[in-house]
PDB file of all heavy atoms in Angstrom:
ATOM      1  N   GLY A   1       0.773  -1.223  -0.011  1.00  0.00           N
ATOM      2  CA  GLY A   1      -0.006   0.015   0.019  1.00  0.00           C
ATOM      3  C   GLY A   1       0.838   1.279   0.003  1.00  0.00           C
ATOM      4  O   GLY A   1       0.291   2.330  -0.276  1.00  0.00           O
ATOM      5  N   GLY A   2       2.117   1.133   0.216  1.00  0.00           N
ATOM      6  CA  GLY A   2       3.026   2.244   0.281  1.00  0.00           C
ATOM      7  C   GLY A   2       3.434   2.706  -1.121  1.00  0.00           C
ATOM      8  O   GLY A   2       3.025   2.125  -2.127  1.00  0.00           O
ATOM      9  N   SER A   3       4.318   3.711  -1.116  1.00  0.00           N
ATOM     10  CA  SER A   3       4.741   4.264  -2.394  1.00  0.00           C
ATOM     11  C   SER A   3       6.292   4.456  -2.409  1.00  0.00           C
ATOM     12  O   SER A   3       6.899   4.611  -1.387  1.00  0.00           O
ATOM     13  CB  SER A   3       4.137   5.664  -2.615  1.00  0.00           C
ATOM     14  OG  SER A   3       2.751   5.559  -2.707  1.00  0.00           O
ATOM     15  N   LEU A   4       6.830   4.361  -3.657  1.00  0.00           N
ATOM     16  CA  LEU A   4       8.222   4.674  -3.874  1.00  0.00           C
ATOM     17  C   LEU A   4       8.355   5.458  -5.151  1.00  0.00           C
ATOM     18  O   LEU A   4       7.572   5.293  -6.050  1.00  0.00           O
ATOM     19  CB  LEU A   4       9.067   3.384  -3.957  1.00  0.00           C
ATOM     20  CG  LEU A   4       9.400   2.634  -2.646  1.00  0.00           C
ATOM     21  CD1 LEU A   4      10.116   1.309  -2.991  1.00  0.00           C
ATOM     22  CD2 LEU A   4      10.300   3.484  -1.761  1.00  0.00           C
ATOM     23  N   ARG A   5       9.402   6.230  -5.240  1.00  0.00           N
ATOM     24  CA  ARG A   5       9.670   6.941  -6.476  1.00  0.00           C
ATOM     25  C   ARG A   5      11.106   6.593  -6.943  1.00  0.00           C
ATOM     26  O   ARG A   5      12.052   6.911  -6.229  1.00  0.00           O
ATOM     27  CB  ARG A   5       9.544   8.393  -6.282  1.00  0.00           C
ATOM     28  CG  ARG A   5       9.610   9.238  -7.615  1.00  0.00           C
ATOM     29  CD  ARG A   5       9.746  10.726  -7.327  1.00  0.00           C
ATOM     30  NE  ARG A   5       9.576  11.540  -8.567  1.00  0.00           N
ATOM     31  CZ  ARG A   5      10.165  12.682  -8.779  1.00  0.00           C
ATOM     32  NH1 ARG A   5      10.956  13.182  -7.815  1.00  0.00           N
ATOM     33  NH2 ARG A   5       9.966  13.329  -9.898  1.00  0.00           N
ATOM     34  N   LEU A   6      11.219   5.976  -8.048  1.00  0.00           N
ATOM     35  CA  LEU A   6      12.472   5.619  -8.614  1.00  0.00           C
ATOM     36  C   LEU A   6      12.981   6.705  -9.605  1.00  0.00           C
ATOM     37  O   LEU A   6      12.142   7.275 -10.332  1.00  0.00           O
ATOM     38  CB  LEU A   6      12.461   4.277  -9.371  1.00  0.00           C
ATOM     39  CG  LEU A   6      11.869   3.111  -8.574  1.00  0.00           C
ATOM     40  CD1 LEU A   6      11.977   1.852  -9.441  1.00  0.00           C
ATOM     41  CD2 LEU A   6      12.585   2.923  -7.308  1.00  0.00           C
ATOM     42  N   SER A   7      14.223   6.915  -9.650  1.00  0.00           N
ATOM     43  CA  SER A   7      14.841   7.870 -10.570  1.00  0.00           C
ATOM     44  C   SER A   7      15.947   7.220 -11.366  1.00  0.00           C
ATOM     45  O   SER A   7      16.566   6.282 -10.847  1.00  0.00           O
ATOM     46  CB  SER A   7      15.408   9.088  -9.841  1.00  0.00           C
ATOM     47  OG  SER A   7      14.415   9.810  -9.093  1.00  0.00           O
ATOM     48  N   CYS A   8      16.124   7.622 -12.580  1.00  0.00           N
ATOM     49  CA  CYS A   8      17.171   7.101 -13.409  1.00  0.00           C
ATOM     50  C   CYS A   8      17.806   8.256 -14.173  1.00  0.00           C
ATOM     51  O   CYS A   8      17.094   8.982 -14.881  1.00  0.00           O
ATOM     52  CB  CYS A   8      16.625   6.093 -14.433  1.00  0.00           C
ATOM     53  SG  CYS A   8      17.794   5.562 -15.708  1.00  0.00           S
ATOM     54  N   VAL A   9      19.131   8.446 -14.010  1.00  0.00           N
ATOM     55  CA  VAL A   9      19.841   9.508 -14.659  1.00  0.00           C
ATOM     56  C   VAL A   9      20.841   8.974 -15.635  1.00  0.00           C
ATOM     57  O   VAL A   9      21.618   8.126 -15.290  1.00  0.00           O
ATOM     58  CB  VAL A   9      20.549  10.399 -13.617  1.00  0.00           C
ATOM     59  CG1 VAL A   9      21.286  11.569 -14.264  1.00  0.00           C
ATOM     60  CG2 VAL A   9      19.570  10.965 -12.605  1.00  0.00           C
ATOM     61  N   ALA A  10      20.796   9.420 -16.808  1.00  0.00           N
ATOM     62  CA  ALA A  10      21.767   9.043 -17.878  1.00  0.00           C
ATOM     63  C   ALA A  10      23.005   9.984 -17.787  1.00  0.00           C
ATOM     64  O   ALA A  10      22.850  11.198 -17.531  1.00  0.00           O
ATOM     65  CB  ALA A  10      21.164   9.130 -19.261  1.00  0.00           C
ATOM     66  N   SER A  11      24.139   9.400 -17.918  1.00  0.00           N
ATOM     67  CA  SER A  11      25.397  10.171 -17.779  1.00  0.00           C
ATOM     68  C   SER A  11      25.602  11.179 -18.840  1.00  0.00           C
ATOM     69  O   SER A  11      26.334  12.157 -18.689  1.00  0.00           O
ATOM     70  CB  SER A  11      26.649   9.229 -17.722  1.00  0.00           C
ATOM     71  OG  SER A  11      26.725   8.487 -18.946  1.00  0.00           O
ATOM     72  N   GLU A  12      24.938  10.993 -19.992  1.00  0.00           N
ATOM     73  CA  GLU A  12      25.083  11.893 -21.138  1.00  0.00           C
ATOM     74  C   GLU A  12      23.917  11.756 -22.098  1.00  0.00           C
ATOM     75  O   GLU A  12      23.123  10.836 -21.933  1.00  0.00           O
ATOM     76  CB  GLU A  12      26.388  11.617 -21.888  1.00  0.00           C
ATOM     77  CG  GLU A  12      26.511  10.206 -22.477  1.00  0.00           C
ATOM     78  CD  GLU A  12      27.860   9.898 -23.002  1.00  0.00           C
ATOM     79  OE1 GLU A  12      28.743   9.494 -22.226  1.00  0.00           O
ATOM     80  OE2 GLU A  12      28.082  10.046 -24.237  1.00  0.00           O
ATOM     81  N   TYR A  13      23.840  12.592 -23.060  1.00  0.00           N
ATOM     82  CA  TYR A  13      22.791  12.592 -24.049  1.00  0.00           C
ATOM     83  C   TYR A  13      22.897  11.277 -24.872  1.00  0.00           C
ATOM     84  O   TYR A  13      23.965  10.956 -25.288  1.00  0.00           O
ATOM     85  CB  TYR A  13      22.868  13.850 -24.983  1.00  0.00           C
ATOM     86  CG  TYR A  13      21.896  13.829 -26.066  1.00  0.00           C
ATOM     87  CD1 TYR A  13      20.518  14.143 -25.839  1.00  0.00           C
ATOM     88  CD2 TYR A  13      22.265  13.524 -27.365  1.00  0.00           C
ATOM     89  CE1 TYR A  13      19.600  14.153 -26.860  1.00  0.00           C
ATOM     90  CE2 TYR A  13      21.338  13.489 -28.400  1.00  0.00           C
ATOM     91  CZ  TYR A  13      20.050  13.832 -28.179  1.00  0.00           C
ATOM     92  OH  TYR A  13      19.144  13.857 -29.215  1.00  0.00           O
ATOM     93  N   ILE A  14      21.802  10.642 -25.118  1.00  0.00           N
ATOM     94  CA  ILE A  14      21.744   9.387 -25.853  1.00  0.00           C
ATOM     95  C   ILE A  14      21.240   9.763 -27.235  1.00  0.00           C
ATOM     96  O   ILE A  14      20.052  10.106 -27.394  1.00  0.00           O
ATOM     97  CB  ILE A  14      20.887   8.338 -25.209  1.00  0.00           C
ATOM     98  CG1 ILE A  14      21.457   8.051 -23.811  1.00  0.00           C
ATOM     99  CG2 ILE A  14      20.849   7.097 -26.035  1.00  0.00           C
ATOM    100  CD1 ILE A  14      20.599   7.064 -23.015  1.00  0.00           C
ATOM    101  N   TYR A  15      22.050   9.652 -28.260  1.00  0.00           N
ATOM    102  CA  TYR A  15      21.701   9.995 -29.630  1.00  0.00           C
ATOM    103  C   TYR A  15      20.651   9.007 -30.134  1.00  0.00           C
ATOM    104  O   TYR A  15      20.715   7.792 -29.895  1.00  0.00           O
ATOM    105  CB  TYR A  15      22.903   9.971 -30.537  1.00  0.00           C
ATOM    106  CG  TYR A  15      23.840  11.127 -30.296  1.00  0.00           C
ATOM    107  CD1 TYR A  15      24.930  11.034 -29.506  1.00  0.00           C
ATOM    108  CD2 TYR A  15      23.572  12.375 -30.926  1.00  0.00           C
ATOM    109  CE1 TYR A  15      25.802  12.075 -29.261  1.00  0.00           C
ATOM    110  CE2 TYR A  15      24.399  13.486 -30.718  1.00  0.00           C
ATOM    111  CZ  TYR A  15      25.504  13.314 -29.910  1.00  0.00           C
ATOM    112  OH  TYR A  15      26.335  14.405 -29.701  1.00  0.00           O
ATOM    113  N   SER A  16      19.733   9.519 -30.898  1.00  0.00           N
ATOM    114  CA  SER A  16      18.644   8.747 -31.545  1.00  0.00           C
ATOM    115  C   SER A  16      17.803   7.924 -30.544  1.00  0.00           C
ATOM    116  O   SER A  16      17.328   6.847 -30.850  1.00  0.00           O
ATOM    117  CB  SER A  16      19.301   7.812 -32.542  1.00  0.00           C
ATOM    118  OG  SER A  16      19.971   8.522 -33.602  1.00  0.00           O
ATOM    119  N   ARG A  17      17.692   8.430 -29.361  1.00  0.00           N
ATOM    120  CA  ARG A  17      16.915   7.770 -28.320  1.00  0.00           C
ATOM    121  C   ARG A  17      15.422   7.767 -28.651  1.00  0.00           C
ATOM    122  O   ARG A  17      14.857   8.830 -28.989  1.00  0.00           O
ATOM    123  CB  ARG A  17      17.108   8.381 -26.935  1.00  0.00           C
ATOM    124  CG  ARG A  17      16.439   7.630 -25.842  1.00  0.00           C
ATOM    125  CD  ARG A  17      16.809   8.203 -24.552  1.00  0.00           C
ATOM    126  NE  ARG A  17      16.312   9.586 -24.359  1.00  0.00           N
ATOM    127  CZ  ARG A  17      16.638  10.435 -23.435  1.00  0.00           C
ATOM    128  NH1 ARG A  17      17.483  10.057 -22.499  1.00  0.00           N
ATOM    129  NH2 ARG A  17      16.142  11.692 -23.393  1.00  0.00           N
ATOM    130  N   LYS A  18      14.799   6.661 -28.661  1.00  0.00           N
ATOM    131  CA  LYS A  18      13.414   6.506 -28.946  1.00  0.00           C
ATOM    132  C   LYS A  18      12.544   6.594 -27.667  1.00  0.00           C
ATOM    133  O   LYS A  18      11.559   7.245 -27.681  1.00  0.00           O
ATOM    134  CB  LYS A  18      13.088   5.226 -29.714  1.00  0.00           C
ATOM    135  CG  LYS A  18      11.727   5.150 -30.306  1.00  0.00           C
ATOM    136  CD  LYS A  18      11.590   4.167 -31.357  1.00  0.00           C
ATOM    137  CE  LYS A  18      10.260   4.201 -32.103  1.00  0.00           C
ATOM    138  NZ  LYS A  18      10.203   3.280 -33.240  1.00  0.00           N
ATOM    139  N   CYS A  19      12.957   5.824 -26.702  1.00  0.00           N
ATOM    140  CA  CYS A  19      12.216   5.808 -25.456  1.00  0.00           C
ATOM    141  C   CYS A  19      13.053   5.283 -24.326  1.00  0.00           C
ATOM    142  O   CYS A  19      14.151   4.755 -24.516  1.00  0.00           O
ATOM    143  CB  CYS A  19      10.970   4.939 -25.606  1.00  0.00           C
ATOM    144  SG  CYS A  19      11.261   3.182 -25.743  1.00  0.00           S
ATOM    145  N   MET A  20      12.558   5.502 -23.073  1.00  0.00           N
ATOM    146  CA  MET A  20      13.163   4.944 -21.883  1.00  0.00           C
ATOM    147  C   MET A  20      12.169   4.206 -21.195  1.00  0.00           C
ATOM    148  O   MET A  20      10.964   4.533 -21.275  1.00  0.00           O
ATOM    149  CB  MET A  20      13.748   6.095 -21.047  1.00  0.00           C
ATOM    150  CG  MET A  20      14.945   6.838 -21.707  1.00  0.00           C
ATOM    151  SD  MET A  20      15.828   7.953 -20.592  1.00  0.00           S
ATOM    152  CE  MET A  20      16.678   6.770 -19.530  1.00  0.00           C
ATOM    153  N   GLY A  21      12.594   3.217 -20.466  1.00  0.00           N
ATOM    154  CA  GLY A  21      11.590   2.417 -19.721  1.00  0.00           C
ATOM    155  C   GLY A  21      12.135   1.822 -18.438  1.00  0.00           C
ATOM    156  O   GLY A  21      13.347   1.892 -18.156  1.00  0.00           O
ATOM    157  N   TRP A  22      11.185   1.291 -17.698  1.00  0.00           N
ATOM    158  CA  TRP A  22      11.519   0.566 -16.460  1.00  0.00           C
ATOM    159  C   TRP A  22      11.127  -0.926 -16.610  1.00  0.00           C
ATOM    160  O   TRP A  22      10.023  -1.169 -17.113  1.00  0.00           O
ATOM    161  CB  TRP A  22      10.781   1.211 -15.280  1.00  0.00           C
ATOM    162  CG  TRP A  22      11.272   2.516 -14.836  1.00  0.00           C
ATOM    163  CD1 TRP A  22      10.833   3.748 -15.228  1.00  0.00           C
ATOM    164  CD2 TRP A  22      12.388   2.730 -13.984  1.00  0.00           C
ATOM    165  NE1 TRP A  22      11.556   4.731 -14.661  1.00  0.00           N
ATOM    166  CE2 TRP A  22      12.516   4.149 -13.859  1.00  0.00           C
ATOM    167  CE3 TRP A  22      13.256   1.925 -13.281  1.00  0.00           C
ATOM    168  CZ2 TRP A  22      13.517   4.742 -13.058  1.00  0.00           C
ATOM    169  CZ3 TRP A  22      14.240   2.543 -12.481  1.00  0.00           C
ATOM    170  CH2 TRP A  22      14.366   3.915 -12.310  1.00  0.00           C
ATOM    171  N   PHE A  23      12.020  -1.733 -16.210  1.00  0.00           N
ATOM    172  CA  PHE A  23      11.796  -3.208 -16.317  1.00  0.00           C
ATOM    173  C   PHE A  23      12.086  -3.709 -14.872  1.00  0.00           C
ATOM    174  O   PHE A  23      12.707  -3.138 -14.109  1.00  0.00           O
ATOM    175  CB  PHE A  23      12.693  -3.847 -17.282  1.00  0.00           C
ATOM    176  CG  PHE A  23      12.441  -3.394 -18.717  1.00  0.00           C
ATOM    177  CD1 PHE A  23      12.861  -2.150 -19.203  1.00  0.00           C
ATOM    178  CD2 PHE A  23      11.784  -4.266 -19.599  1.00  0.00           C
ATOM    179  CE1 PHE A  23      12.633  -1.770 -20.443  1.00  0.00           C
ATOM    180  CE2 PHE A  23      11.477  -3.834 -20.894  1.00  0.00           C
ATOM    181  CZ  PHE A  23      11.920  -2.592 -21.330  1.00  0.00           C
ATOM    182  N   ARG A  24      11.523  -4.978 -14.603  1.00  0.00           N
ATOM    183  CA  ARG A  24      11.754  -5.518 -13.305  1.00  0.00           C
ATOM    184  C   ARG A  24      11.932  -7.034 -13.507  1.00  0.00           C
ATOM    185  O   ARG A  24      11.407  -7.667 -14.399  1.00  0.00           O
ATOM    186  CB  ARG A  24      10.617  -5.199 -12.346  1.00  0.00           C
ATOM    187  CG  ARG A  24       9.270  -5.905 -12.722  1.00  0.00           C
ATOM    188  CD  ARG A  24       8.231  -5.310 -11.745  1.00  0.00           C
ATOM    189  NE  ARG A  24       6.934  -5.965 -12.013  1.00  0.00           N
ATOM    190  CZ  ARG A  24       5.792  -5.613 -11.453  1.00  0.00           C
ATOM    191  NH1 ARG A  24       5.791  -4.633 -10.505  1.00  0.00           N
ATOM    192  NH2 ARG A  24       4.630  -6.203 -11.715  1.00  0.00           N
ATOM    193  N   GLN A  25      12.661  -7.611 -12.563  1.00  0.00           N
ATOM    194  CA  GLN A  25      12.896  -9.024 -12.622  1.00  0.00           C
ATOM    195  C   GLN A  25      12.932  -9.585 -11.158  1.00  0.00           C
ATOM    196  O   GLN A  25      13.715  -9.099 -10.328  1.00  0.00           O
ATOM    197  CB  GLN A  25      14.242  -9.347 -13.252  1.00  0.00           C
ATOM    198  CG  GLN A  25      14.454 -10.851 -13.491  1.00  0.00           C
ATOM    199  CD  GLN A  25      15.627 -11.126 -14.425  1.00  0.00           C
ATOM    200  OE1 GLN A  25      16.475 -10.266 -14.601  1.00  0.00           O
ATOM    201  NE2 GLN A  25      15.615 -12.258 -14.999  1.00  0.00           N
ATOM    202  N   ALA A  26      12.008 -10.466 -10.898  1.00  0.00           N
ATOM    203  CA  ALA A  26      11.984 -11.162  -9.605  1.00  0.00           C
ATOM    204  C   ALA A  26      12.726 -12.473  -9.753  1.00  0.00           C
ATOM    205  O   ALA A  26      12.916 -13.010 -10.816  1.00  0.00           O
ATOM    206  CB  ALA A  26      10.499 -11.452  -9.207  1.00  0.00           C
ATOM    207  N   PRO A  27      13.226 -13.013  -8.631  1.00  0.00           N
ATOM    208  CA  PRO A  27      13.997 -14.245  -8.652  1.00  0.00           C
ATOM    209  C   PRO A  27      13.259 -15.364  -9.318  1.00  0.00           C
ATOM    210  O   PRO A  27      12.054 -15.610  -8.992  1.00  0.00           O
ATOM    211  CB  PRO A  27      14.206 -14.562  -7.191  1.00  0.00           C
ATOM    212  CG  PRO A  27      14.254 -13.238  -6.498  1.00  0.00           C
ATOM    213  CD  PRO A  27      13.192 -12.435  -7.256  1.00  0.00           C
ATOM    214  N   GLY A  28      13.881 -16.042 -10.295  1.00  0.00           N
ATOM    215  CA  GLY A  28      13.249 -17.174 -10.958  1.00  0.00           C
ATOM    216  C   GLY A  28      12.255 -16.746 -12.086  1.00  0.00           C
ATOM    217  O   GLY A  28      11.640 -17.665 -12.694  1.00  0.00           O
ATOM    218  N   LYS A  29      12.129 -15.498 -12.315  1.00  0.00           N
ATOM    219  CA  LYS A  29      11.181 -15.039 -13.345  1.00  0.00           C
ATOM    220  C   LYS A  29      11.950 -14.237 -14.439  1.00  0.00           C
ATOM    221  O   LYS A  29      13.046 -13.752 -14.213  1.00  0.00           O
ATOM    222  CB  LYS A  29      10.066 -14.185 -12.753  1.00  0.00           C
ATOM    223  CG  LYS A  29       9.246 -14.867 -11.704  1.00  0.00           C
ATOM    224  CD  LYS A  29       8.069 -14.049 -11.280  1.00  0.00           C
ATOM    225  CE  LYS A  29       7.046 -13.909 -12.452  1.00  0.00           C
ATOM    226  NZ  LYS A  29       5.838 -13.101 -12.063  1.00  0.00           N
ATOM    227  N   GLU A  30      11.345 -14.170 -15.619  1.00  0.00           N
ATOM    228  CA  GLU A  30      11.911 -13.363 -16.638  1.00  0.00           C
ATOM    229  C   GLU A  30      11.730 -11.872 -16.416  1.00  0.00           C
ATOM    230  O   GLU A  30      10.868 -11.427 -15.699  1.00  0.00           O
ATOM    231  CB  GLU A  30      11.139 -13.701 -18.011  1.00  0.00           C
ATOM    232  CG  GLU A  30      11.360 -15.138 -18.481  1.00  0.00           C
ATOM    233  CD  GLU A  30      10.688 -15.391 -19.796  1.00  0.00           C
ATOM    234  OE1 GLU A  30       9.952 -14.481 -20.315  1.00  0.00           O
ATOM    235  OE2 GLU A  30      10.962 -16.419 -20.453  1.00  0.00           O
ATOM    236  N   ARG A  31      12.666 -11.075 -16.956  1.00  0.00           N
ATOM    237  CA  ARG A  31      12.530  -9.703 -16.878  1.00  0.00           C
ATOM    238  C   ARG A  31      11.329  -9.184 -17.689  1.00  0.00           C
ATOM    239  O   ARG A  31      11.183  -9.619 -18.802  1.00  0.00           O
ATOM    240  CB  ARG A  31      13.853  -9.016 -17.367  1.00  0.00           C
ATOM    241  CG  ARG A  31      13.926  -7.519 -17.107  1.00  0.00           C
ATOM    242  CD  ARG A  31      15.329  -6.960 -17.470  1.00  0.00           C
ATOM    243  NE  ARG A  31      16.358  -7.579 -16.605  1.00  0.00           N
ATOM    244  CZ  ARG A  31      17.607  -7.211 -16.652  1.00  0.00           C
ATOM    245  NH1 ARG A  31      17.978  -6.154 -17.388  1.00  0.00           N
ATOM    246  NH2 ARG A  31      18.505  -7.776 -15.830  1.00  0.00           N
ATOM    247  N   GLU A  32      10.611  -8.366 -17.118  1.00  0.00           N
ATOM    248  CA  GLU A  32       9.391  -7.835 -17.731  1.00  0.00           C
ATOM    249  C   GLU A  32       9.334  -6.331 -17.808  1.00  0.00           C
ATOM    250  O   GLU A  32       9.850  -5.648 -16.926  1.00  0.00           O
ATOM    251  CB  GLU A  32       8.135  -8.374 -17.025  1.00  0.00           C
ATOM    252  CG  GLU A  32       7.979  -7.883 -15.615  1.00  0.00           C
ATOM    253  CD  GLU A  32       6.709  -8.292 -14.922  1.00  0.00           C
ATOM    254  OE1 GLU A  32       5.763  -8.724 -15.649  1.00  0.00           O
ATOM    255  OE2 GLU A  32       6.584  -8.163 -13.750  1.00  0.00           O
ATOM    256  N   GLY A  33       8.721  -5.817 -18.891  1.00  0.00           N
ATOM    257  CA  GLY A  33       8.581  -4.448 -19.025  1.00  0.00           C
ATOM    258  C   GLY A  33       7.499  -3.951 -18.067  1.00  0.00           C
ATOM    259  O   GLY A  33       6.434  -4.504 -17.941  1.00  0.00           O
ATOM    260  N   VAL A  34       7.736  -2.768 -17.404  1.00  0.00           N
ATOM    261  CA  VAL A  34       6.801  -2.208 -16.467  1.00  0.00           C
ATOM    262  C   VAL A  34       6.177  -0.977 -17.039  1.00  0.00           C
ATOM    263  O   VAL A  34       4.956  -0.809 -17.069  1.00  0.00           O
ATOM    264  CB  VAL A  34       7.527  -1.878 -15.135  1.00  0.00           C
ATOM    265  CG1 VAL A  34       6.577  -1.134 -14.214  1.00  0.00           C
ATOM    266  CG2 VAL A  34       8.125  -3.136 -14.485  1.00  0.00           C
ATOM    267  N   ALA A  35       6.985  -0.040 -17.492  1.00  0.00           N
ATOM    268  CA  ALA A  35       6.483   1.204 -18.054  1.00  0.00           C
ATOM    269  C   ALA A  35       7.538   1.844 -18.976  1.00  0.00           C
ATOM    270  O   ALA A  35       8.705   1.730 -18.676  1.00  0.00           O
ATOM    271  CB  ALA A  35       6.079   2.210 -16.928  1.00  0.00           C
ATOM    272  N   THR A  36       7.077   2.449 -20.019  1.00  0.00           N
ATOM    273  CA  THR A  36       8.010   3.134 -20.951  1.00  0.00           C
ATOM    274  C   THR A  36       7.434   4.505 -21.321  1.00  0.00           C
ATOM    275  O   THR A  36       6.258   4.745 -21.235  1.00  0.00           O
ATOM    276  CB  THR A  36       8.269   2.338 -22.175  1.00  0.00           C
ATOM    277  OG1 THR A  36       7.014   2.158 -22.985  1.00  0.00           O
ATOM    278  CG2 THR A  36       8.777   0.948 -21.906  1.00  0.00           C
ATOM    279  N   ILE A  37       8.359   5.371 -21.744  1.00  0.00           N
ATOM    280  CA  ILE A  37       7.897   6.655 -22.178  1.00  0.00           C
ATOM    281  C   ILE A  37       8.689   7.043 -23.459  1.00  0.00           C
ATOM    282  O   ILE A  37       9.956   6.970 -23.430  1.00  0.00           O
ATOM    283  CB  ILE A  37       8.027   7.702 -21.042  1.00  0.00           C
ATOM    284  CG1 ILE A  37       7.469   9.090 -21.509  1.00  0.00           C
ATOM    285  CG2 ILE A  37       9.473   7.848 -20.531  1.00  0.00           C
ATOM    286  CD1 ILE A  37       7.326  10.065 -20.369  1.00  0.00           C
ATOM    287  N   TYR A  38       8.001   7.483 -24.486  1.00  0.00           N
ATOM    288  CA  TYR A  38       8.651   7.867 -25.708  1.00  0.00           C
ATOM    289  C   TYR A  38       9.273   9.260 -25.497  1.00  0.00           C
ATOM    290  O   TYR A  38       8.627  10.203 -25.049  1.00  0.00           O
ATOM    291  CB  TYR A  38       7.679   7.954 -26.854  1.00  0.00           C
ATOM    292  CG  TYR A  38       7.348   6.560 -27.417  1.00  0.00           C
ATOM    293  CD1 TYR A  38       6.427   5.731 -26.776  1.00  0.00           C
ATOM    294  CD2 TYR A  38       7.952   6.135 -28.578  1.00  0.00           C
ATOM    295  CE1 TYR A  38       6.105   4.497 -27.287  1.00  0.00           C
ATOM    296  CE2 TYR A  38       7.694   4.840 -29.080  1.00  0.00           C
ATOM    297  CZ  TYR A  38       6.750   4.061 -28.412  1.00  0.00           C
ATOM    298  OH  TYR A  38       6.455   2.818 -28.936  1.00  0.00           O
ATOM    299  N   THR A  39      10.531   9.376 -25.865  1.00  0.00           N
ATOM    300  CA  THR A  39      11.357  10.567 -25.619  1.00  0.00           C
ATOM    301  C   THR A  39      10.717  11.872 -26.212  1.00  0.00           C
ATOM    302  O   THR A  39      10.626  12.870 -25.576  1.00  0.00           O
ATOM    303  CB  THR A  39      12.731  10.440 -26.073  1.00  0.00           C
ATOM    304  OG1 THR A  39      13.340   9.231 -25.455  1.00  0.00           O
ATOM    305  CG2 THR A  39      13.624  11.601 -25.779  1.00  0.00           C
ATOM    306  N   ASP A  40      10.344  11.737 -27.491  1.00  0.00           N
ATOM    307  CA  ASP A  40       9.832  12.923 -28.164  1.00  0.00           C
ATOM    308  C   ASP A  40       8.429  13.328 -27.853  1.00  0.00           C
ATOM    309  O   ASP A  40       8.108  14.555 -27.637  1.00  0.00           O
ATOM    310  CB  ASP A  40       9.965  12.783 -29.664  1.00  0.00           C
ATOM    311  CG  ASP A  40      11.482  12.710 -30.121  1.00  0.00           C
ATOM    312  OD1 ASP A  40      12.325  13.145 -29.413  1.00  0.00           O
ATOM    313  OD2 ASP A  40      11.688  12.154 -31.249  1.00  0.00           O
ATOM    314  N   SER A  41       7.529  12.315 -27.819  1.00  0.00           N
ATOM    315  CA  SER A  41       6.159  12.629 -27.643  1.00  0.00           C
ATOM    316  C   SER A  41       5.661  12.614 -26.198  1.00  0.00           C
ATOM    317  O   SER A  41       4.649  13.227 -25.845  1.00  0.00           O
ATOM    318  CB  SER A  41       5.265  11.641 -28.457  1.00  0.00           C
ATOM    319  OG  SER A  41       5.384  10.348 -27.914  1.00  0.00           O
ATOM    320  N   GLY A  42       6.357  11.873 -25.356  1.00  0.00           N
ATOM    321  CA  GLY A  42       5.944  11.665 -23.967  1.00  0.00           C
ATOM    322  C   GLY A  42       4.883  10.626 -23.834  1.00  0.00           C
ATOM    323  O   GLY A  42       4.336  10.461 -22.738  1.00  0.00           O
ATOM    324  N   THR A  43       4.545   9.970 -24.898  1.00  0.00           N
ATOM    325  CA  THR A  43       3.557   8.870 -24.836  1.00  0.00           C
ATOM    326  C   THR A  43       4.034   7.800 -23.919  1.00  0.00           C
ATOM    327  O   THR A  43       5.226   7.403 -23.959  1.00  0.00           O
ATOM    328  CB  THR A  43       3.337   8.353 -26.218  1.00  0.00           C
ATOM    329  OG1 THR A  43       2.816   9.341 -27.108  1.00  0.00           O
ATOM    330  CG2 THR A  43       2.347   7.180 -26.191  1.00  0.00           C
TER     331      THR A  43
END
């Protein structure tokens, strides 16, 4: 029921970047996509 806020900082500008995302992986499970955001549109 609680909340957390994760942050991710890139060390430099990433050329031709399309989107950034968050993925997660629990023990014994495949890594899964959680959320993504398109760099240009914000979608």
